[in-house]
Amino acid sequence: MRLIVNGESISITHMGPDFLFIESANDHPPGDAKIVLQVDQSERCWNVHLPDGISAASNRVAIAASV
């Protein structure tokens, strides 16, 4: 699983209904992103909103449905 934010690909380690845990990343302001889930040759993508952005100090990221 990967989170794509402003062209940067960040590995997702865990995913819940309204949050993600990611590997370390740079700070990003609130905005839109894309989750990419790939299993073998099958890939699924969906858009999400990051209401609090990403903080380099934390690996937990809040997500919400993209409007």
C-alpha atoms as a PDB file:
ATOM      1  CA  MET A   1       0.000   0.000   0.000  1.00  0.00           C
ATOM      2  CA  ARG A   2       1.204   3.471  -0.835  1.00  0.00           C
ATOM      3  CA  LEU A   3       0.013   6.999  -0.190  1.00  0.00           C
ATOM      4  CA  ILE A   4       0.680   9.414  -3.041  1.00  0.00           C
ATOM      5  CA  VAL A   5       0.925  13.036  -1.882  1.00  0.00           C
ATOM      6  CA  ASN A   6       2.097  15.777  -4.246  1.00  0.00           C
ATOM      7  CA  GLY A   7       3.911  13.174  -6.351  1.00  0.00           C
ATOM      8  CA  GLU A   8       5.656  11.617  -3.326  1.00  0.00           C
ATOM      9  CA  SER A   9       5.043   7.905  -2.700  1.00  0.00           C
ATOM     10  CA  ILE A  10       4.912   6.981   0.996  1.00  0.00           C
ATOM     11  CA  SER A  11       4.613   3.385   2.221  1.00  0.00           C
ATOM     12  CA  ILE A  12       1.527   2.618   4.332  1.00  0.00           C
ATOM     13  CA  THR A  13       2.196   0.118   7.111  1.00  0.00           C
ATOM     14  CA  HIS A  14      -1.361  -0.106   8.543  1.00  0.00           C
ATOM     15  CA  MET A  15      -4.742   1.257   7.520  1.00  0.00           C
ATOM     16  CA  GLY A  16      -7.901   1.843   9.563  1.00  0.00           C
ATOM     17  CA  PRO A  17     -11.282   3.323   8.633  1.00  0.00           C
ATOM     18  CA  ASP A  18     -10.184   6.939   9.183  1.00  0.00           C
ATOM     19  CA  PHE A  19      -6.413   6.792   9.642  1.00  0.00           C
ATOM     20  CA  LEU A  20      -3.181   5.392   8.232  1.00  0.00           C
ATOM     21  CA  PHE A  21       0.165   4.545   9.721  1.00  0.00           C
ATOM     22  CA  ILE A  22       2.972   5.408   7.329  1.00  0.00           C
ATOM     23  CA  GLU A  23       6.710   5.076   7.164  1.00  0.00           C
ATOM     24  CA  SER A  24       8.543   8.315   7.864  1.00  0.00           C
ATOM     25  CA  ALA A  25       7.656  11.212   5.574  1.00  0.00           C
ATOM     26  CA  ASN A  26       8.104  14.935   5.155  1.00  0.00           C
ATOM     27  CA  ASP A  27       5.599  17.473   6.432  1.00  0.00           C
ATOM     28  CA  HIS A  28       2.634  18.028   4.103  1.00  0.00           C
ATOM     29  CA  PRO A  29      -0.217  20.517   4.610  1.00  0.00           C
ATOM     30  CA  PRO A  30      -3.859  19.392   4.597  1.00  0.00           C
ATOM     31  CA  GLY A  31      -5.034  18.409   1.131  1.00  0.00           C
ATOM     32  CA  ASP A  32      -5.906  15.575  -1.194  1.00  0.00           C
ATOM     33  CA  ALA A  33      -3.963  12.363  -1.762  1.00  0.00           C
ATOM     34  CA  LYS A  34      -4.380   8.949  -3.348  1.00  0.00           C
ATOM     35  CA  ILE A  35      -4.113   5.478  -1.806  1.00  0.00           C
ATOM     36  CA  VAL A  36      -2.764   2.740  -4.057  1.00  0.00           C
ATOM     37  CA  LEU A  37      -3.332  -0.890  -3.074  1.00  0.00           C
ATOM     38  CA  GLN A  38      -1.513  -3.467  -5.178  1.00  0.00           C
ATOM     39  CA  VAL A  39      -1.802  -7.242  -4.755  1.00  0.00           C
ATOM     40  CA  ASP A  40       0.102  -9.291  -7.324  1.00  0.00           C
ATOM     41  CA  GLN A  41      -0.923  -7.800 -10.697  1.00  0.00           C
ATOM     42  CA  SER A  42      -4.156  -6.207  -9.430  1.00  0.00           C
ATOM     43  CA  GLU A  43      -4.139  -2.534  -8.434  1.00  0.00           C
ATOM     44  CA  ARG A  44      -6.877  -0.424  -6.860  1.00  0.00           C
ATOM     45  CA  CYS A  45      -6.656   3.348  -6.285  1.00  0.00           C
ATOM     46  CA  TRP A  46      -8.912   5.793  -4.477  1.00  0.00           C
ATOM     47  CA  ASN A  47      -8.753   9.438  -3.497  1.00  0.00           C
ATOM     48  CA  VAL A  48      -8.722  10.581   0.126  1.00  0.00           C
ATOM     49  CA  HIS A  49      -8.512  13.884   1.957  1.00  0.00           C
ATOM     50  CA  LEU A  50      -5.845  14.501   4.618  1.00  0.00           C
ATOM     51  CA  PRO A  51      -7.675  16.920   6.966  1.00  0.00           C
ATOM     52  CA  ASP A  52      -4.636  17.410   9.220  1.00  0.00           C
ATOM     53  CA  GLY A  53      -1.948  16.911   6.599  1.00  0.00           C
ATOM     54  CA  ILE A  54       1.169  14.890   7.456  1.00  0.00           C
ATOM     55  CA  SER A  55       3.590  15.685  10.272  1.00  0.00           C
ATOM     56  CA  ALA A  56       7.164  14.372  10.052  1.00  0.00           C
ATOM     57  CA  ALA A  57       6.973  13.966  13.850  1.00  0.00           C
ATOM     58  CA  SER A  58       4.172  11.351  13.684  1.00  0.00           C
ATOM     59  CA  ASN A  59       3.509   8.274  11.579  1.00  0.00           C
ATOM     60  CA  ARG A  60      -0.288   8.436  12.121  1.00  0.00           C
ATOM     61  CA  VAL A  61      -2.244  10.276   9.413  1.00  0.00           C
ATOM     62  CA  ALA A  62      -5.963  11.089   9.573  1.00  0.00           C
ATOM     63  CA  ILE A  63      -7.904  10.426   6.363  1.00  0.00           C
ATOM     64  CA  ALA A  64     -11.405  11.314   5.221  1.00  0.00           C
ATOM     65  CA  ALA A  65     -13.473  10.728   2.111  1.00  0.00           C
ATOM     66  CA  SER A  66     -12.419  12.975  -0.732  1.00  0.00           C
ATOM     67  CA  VAL A  67     -15.054  15.506  -1.725  1.00  0.00           C
END
